[in-house]
Protein backbone atom coordinates (compact mmCIF):
# COMPACT_ATOMS: atom_id res chain seq x y z
CA MET A 1 0.09 -0.37 0.04
CA GLU A 2 1.42 3.64 -1.16
CA ASP A 3 1.24 6.16 1.63
CA GLU A 4 -0.49 8.71 -0.44
CA TYR A 5 -2.59 8.44 -3.20
CA ASP A 6 -3.35 10.99 -6.15
CA PHE A 7 -6.75 11.14 -6.78
CA SER A 8 -6.34 14.92 -9.27
CA ASN A 9 -7.45 13.12 -11.65
CA GLY A 10 -10.68 11.44 -9.53
CA LYS A 11 -14.18 11.91 -10.99
CA ARG A 12 -16.97 11.95 -8.44
CA GLY A 13 -20.21 9.94 -9.00
CA ALA A 14 -20.99 5.70 -9.69
CA ILE A 15 -17.76 3.82 -10.61
CA PHE A 16 -19.87 2.96 -14.04
CA SER A 17 -22.83 4.72 -15.75
CA SER A 18 -26.23 2.82 -17.10
CA LYS A 19 -26.42 4.73 -20.15
CA GLY A 20 -30.05 5.29 -21.11
CA LYS A 21 -31.52 4.26 -17.65
CA THR A 22 -32.23 6.99 -14.84
CA ARG A 23 -32.13 6.21 -11.17
CA ILE A 24 -35.64 7.28 -9.28
CA THR A 25 -37.62 7.02 -6.27
CA ILE A 26 -40.53 5.18 -6.12
CA TYR A 27 -42.99 3.24 -4.07
CA LEU A 28 -44.23 0.14 -4.41
CA ASP A 29 -46.74 -2.58 -1.80
CA ASP A 30 -44.22 -4.49 -0.21
CA THR A 31 -45.97 -7.43 -1.42
CA VAL A 32 -45.46 -6.50 -4.79
CA LEU A 33 -41.84 -6.09 -4.33
CA GLU A 34 -41.46 -9.22 -2.56
CA GLU A 35 -42.97 -11.09 -5.44
CA PHE A 36 -40.86 -9.38 -7.88
CA ARG A 37 -37.61 -10.47 -5.66
CA SER A 38 -38.98 -14.15 -5.41
CA ARG A 39 -39.20 -14.57 -9.10
CA ALA A 40 -35.70 -12.69 -9.40
CA GLU A 41 -34.39 -15.22 -7.43
CA VAL A 42 -35.62 -17.95 -9.57
CA ALA A 43 -35.01 -16.12 -12.62
CA GLY A 44 -31.39 -15.87 -11.61
CA THR A 45 -31.76 -12.03 -12.36
CA GLY A 46 -32.09 -8.86 -10.68
CA TYR A 47 -36.03 -8.10 -9.37
CA GLN A 48 -35.22 -4.43 -11.06
CA THR A 49 -35.06 -6.11 -13.91
CA LEU A 50 -37.85 -7.53 -14.06
CA ILE A 51 -40.39 -4.37 -12.87
CA ASN A 52 -38.41 -2.96 -15.77
CA GLU A 53 -39.48 -5.62 -18.02
CA ALA A 54 -43.00 -5.68 -16.64
CA PHE A 55 -42.91 -2.04 -17.49
CA ARG A 56 -41.90 -2.21 -21.14
CA GLU A 57 -44.23 -5.10 -21.89
CA TYR A 58 -47.23 -3.21 -20.80
CA LEU A 59 -46.31 -0.07 -22.34
CA ASN A 60 -45.70 -2.10 -26.04
CA GLN A 61 -49.46 -4.06 -25.44
CA ASN A 62 -51.40 -0.34 -24.25
CA SER A 63 -49.17 2.07 -26.38
CA GLU A 64 -52.15 4.32 -26.43
CA LYS A 65 -52.84 4.37 -22.80
CA PRO A 66 -50.63 6.68 -20.42
CA VAL A 67 -49.54 5.09 -17.02
CA THR A 68 -51.46 6.18 -14.23
CA GLU A 69 -51.24 4.86 -10.25
CA SER A 70 -54.80 3.38 -10.53
CA VAL A 71 -53.90 1.86 -14.21
CA LEU A 72 -50.23 0.17 -12.73
CA ARG A 73 -51.63 -1.03 -9.63
CA ARG A 74 -54.22 -3.40 -11.80
CA ILE A 75 -51.63 -4.44 -13.81
CA LEU A 76 -50.13 -6.05 -10.74
CA GLN A 77 -53.27 -6.58 -8.85
CA GLU A 78 -53.94 -8.69 -12.20
CA GLU A 79 -50.60 -10.46 -11.98
CA PHE A 80 -50.44 -11.53 -9.02
CA SER A 81 -54.43 -12.58 -9.01
CA GLN A 82 -53.25 -15.43 -12.27
CA MET A 83 -50.27 -16.49 -10.03
CA GLY A 84 -52.26 -18.26 -7.48
CA ARG A 85 -54.29 -19.92 -10.09
């Protein structure tokens, strides 16, 4: 280990950039998040990736309709009810 390090050319921020993605804060029901985490573990992927895919799939199916809170809740409820079958 060196006694002193030169950080004069260092940059602040994330170590890697996610081009084409934006970090947001979102509140989801605990049951929704638990289900996505469970599915992600089975699929061997990240739960955020699965949530992103669910949004993409919905947007591709319903490109004319805006995604509102009530629409999103309905979609998630439909998905969970299908899982119970």
